[in-house]
Amino acid sequence: MSLEANKQTCRDYFAAFLKRDTDWMKRHIAPTFVRHDPGLPFEVRGPEGVAQLHDALLPAFPDMKLPFEDFVAEGEKVLVRLRVQGTHTGAFGEMAPTGRKIDIGVLDLFQLRDGVLVEHWALLDNLGMLEQLGALPG
């Protein structure tokens, strides 16, 4: 696949994530896919794991937006710099809704093979998010 096609697959991943488009996920996320994310209390594997991640986040932040800032591609990898923005109106793990807005930076590195996502390394500003939610002093 071309670098531009790989970048587009990553753009489409975020759109599918927000819509919980499990048909897209089954076609474009390998069953062996794994997301490396030390901030999560569960493991994300395969399309089902991505749907589980959606189910953990979108009820807490139903107005979530993921504005893109940069896409860099080389070989089979795409680095995406974006923001996570939303309003905390649902339960987030053990945290009751606060009504507060979040706006945090994210770096996502994806590896693709033949147009299919096979691995993902996520780095989110979890500390900033907890401060914005009032869970930690800011």
Protein backbone atom coordinates (compact mmCIF):
# COMPACT_ATOMS: atom_id res chain seq x y z
CA MET A 1 0.00 0.00 0.00
CA SER A 2 1.14 3.55 -0.60
CA LEU A 3 2.00 5.92 2.22
CA GLU A 4 -1.08 8.01 1.37
CA ALA A 5 -3.30 4.93 1.46
CA ASN A 6 -1.89 4.00 4.87
CA LYS A 7 -2.56 7.53 6.16
CA GLN A 8 -6.13 7.32 4.85
CA THR A 9 -6.66 4.00 6.61
CA CYS A 10 -5.63 5.68 9.87
CA ARG A 11 -8.01 8.59 9.23
CA ASP A 12 -10.76 6.07 8.54
CA TYR A 13 -9.89 4.21 11.75
CA PHE A 14 -10.75 7.26 13.85
CA ALA A 15 -14.01 7.83 11.96
CA ALA A 16 -14.94 4.15 12.42
CA PHE A 17 -14.01 4.36 16.11
CA LEU A 18 -16.27 7.35 16.74
CA LYS A 19 -19.19 5.65 14.93
CA ARG A 20 -18.45 2.19 16.38
CA ASP A 21 -18.41 0.88 12.81
CA THR A 22 -17.68 -2.77 13.57
CA ASP A 23 -17.99 -3.75 9.89
CA TRP A 24 -15.12 -1.39 9.01
CA MET A 25 -13.16 -2.66 12.02
CA LYS A 26 -13.52 -6.30 10.94
CA ARG A 27 -12.24 -5.46 7.45
CA HIS A 28 -9.34 -3.17 8.44
CA ILE A 29 -8.15 -4.34 11.87
CA ALA A 30 -6.29 -7.66 12.08
CA PRO A 31 -7.61 -10.26 14.54
CA THR A 32 -4.10 -10.19 16.07
CA PHE A 33 -4.09 -6.37 16.36
CA VAL A 34 -2.89 -5.07 19.72
CA ARG A 35 -2.98 -1.56 21.15
CA HIS A 36 -0.15 -0.76 23.55
CA ASP A 37 -1.58 1.77 25.99
CA PRO A 38 -0.32 1.86 29.58
CA GLY A 39 -3.25 4.11 30.56
CA LEU A 40 -5.90 1.46 29.97
CA PRO A 41 -7.07 -1.01 32.62
CA PHE A 42 -7.79 -3.64 29.91
CA GLU A 43 -6.07 -5.03 26.84
CA VAL A 44 -7.23 -3.96 23.37
CA ARG A 45 -6.91 -6.84 20.89
CA GLY A 46 -8.47 -7.19 17.46
CA PRO A 47 -11.59 -5.43 16.20
CA GLU A 48 -13.52 -6.55 19.28
CA GLY A 49 -11.00 -4.82 21.55
CA VAL A 50 -11.35 -1.55 19.62
CA ALA A 51 -15.14 -1.79 19.97
CA GLN A 52 -14.64 -2.40 23.72
CA LEU A 53 -12.46 0.72 23.90
CA HIS A 54 -15.22 2.70 22.18
CA ASP A 55 -17.73 1.36 24.72
CA ALA A 56 -15.48 2.47 27.60
CA LEU A 57 -14.88 6.01 26.29
CA LEU A 58 -17.82 7.24 24.22
CA PRO A 59 -20.49 6.93 26.92
CA ALA A 60 -18.25 9.08 29.15
CA PHE A 61 -17.54 11.62 26.38
CA PRO A 62 -20.43 11.27 23.89
CA ASP A 63 -19.54 14.50 22.06
CA MET A 64 -15.93 13.34 21.52
CA LYS A 65 -14.03 14.97 18.67
CA LEU A 66 -10.63 13.91 17.39
CA PRO A 67 -9.14 16.81 15.41
CA PHE A 68 -6.01 15.81 13.52
CA GLU A 69 -2.82 17.85 13.72
CA ASP A 70 -0.20 15.78 11.83
CA PHE A 71 0.20 12.57 9.84
CA VAL A 72 3.70 11.21 9.15
CA ALA A 73 4.17 7.95 7.26
CA GLU A 74 7.18 5.81 6.52
CA GLY A 75 7.17 2.21 5.39
CA GLU A 76 4.38 0.34 7.19
CA LYS A 77 4.00 2.90 9.97
CA VAL A 78 1.88 6.03 10.37
CA LEU A 79 2.29 8.50 13.23
CA VAL A 80 -0.79 10.58 13.97
CA ARG A 81 -0.78 13.63 16.23
CA LEU A 82 -4.27 14.63 17.28
CA ARG A 83 -6.37 15.95 20.15
CA VAL A 84 -9.12 14.32 22.15
CA GLN A 85 -11.85 16.80 22.96
CA GLY A 86 -15.13 16.18 24.70
CA THR A 87 -17.41 16.79 27.65
CA HIS A 88 -17.45 14.34 30.54
CA THR A 89 -21.17 13.62 30.84
CA GLY A 90 -21.10 9.88 31.57
CA ALA A 91 -19.30 7.55 33.95
CA PHE A 92 -15.58 7.19 33.16
CA GLY A 93 -14.38 4.09 34.95
CA GLU A 94 -15.07 4.79 38.62
CA MET A 95 -15.38 8.57 38.02
CA ALA A 96 -18.88 10.04 38.05
CA PRO A 97 -19.70 12.60 35.34
CA THR A 98 -18.21 16.02 36.05
CA GLY A 99 -19.62 18.05 33.15
CA ARG A 100 -16.08 19.28 32.49
CA LYS A 101 -14.48 19.55 29.08
CA ILE A 102 -11.22 17.86 28.14
CA ASP A 103 -8.76 18.80 25.42
CA ILE A 104 -5.62 16.65 25.46
CA GLY A 105 -2.82 15.80 23.08
CA VAL A 106 -2.32 12.30 21.68
CA LEU A 107 0.37 10.54 19.66
CA ASP A 108 -0.76 7.34 17.94
CA LEU A 109 1.69 5.16 16.02
CA PHE A 110 0.08 2.54 13.80
CA GLN A 111 1.64 -0.35 11.94
CA LEU A 112 -0.14 -1.64 8.86
CA ARG A 113 0.35 -4.65 6.60
CA ASP A 114 -1.37 -4.73 3.23
CA GLY A 115 -3.75 -1.97 4.30
CA VAL A 116 -4.74 -3.67 7.58
CA LEU A 117 -3.94 -2.28 11.03
CA VAL A 118 -1.79 -4.79 12.94
CA GLU A 119 -0.40 -2.82 15.90
CA HIS A 120 -0.94 0.49 17.68
CA TRP A 121 1.11 2.39 20.26
CA ALA A 122 -0.87 5.13 22.03
CA LEU A 123 0.49 7.96 24.13
CA LEU A 124 -2.13 10.26 25.68
CA ASP A 125 -1.82 13.13 28.12
CA ASN A 126 -3.62 11.19 30.85
CA LEU A 127 -2.26 13.47 33.59
CA GLY A 128 -3.64 16.53 31.78
CA MET A 129 -6.98 14.80 31.34
CA LEU A 130 -7.25 13.97 35.06
CA GLU A 131 -6.36 17.57 35.94
CA GLN A 132 -8.99 18.90 33.52
CA LEU A 133 -11.58 16.55 35.04
CA GLY A 134 -10.72 17.79 38.53
CA ALA A 135 -9.46 14.40 39.70
CA LEU A 136 -5.99 15.86 40.35
CA PRO A 137 -4.92 19.37 41.32
CA GLY A 138 -3.95 21.33 38.23
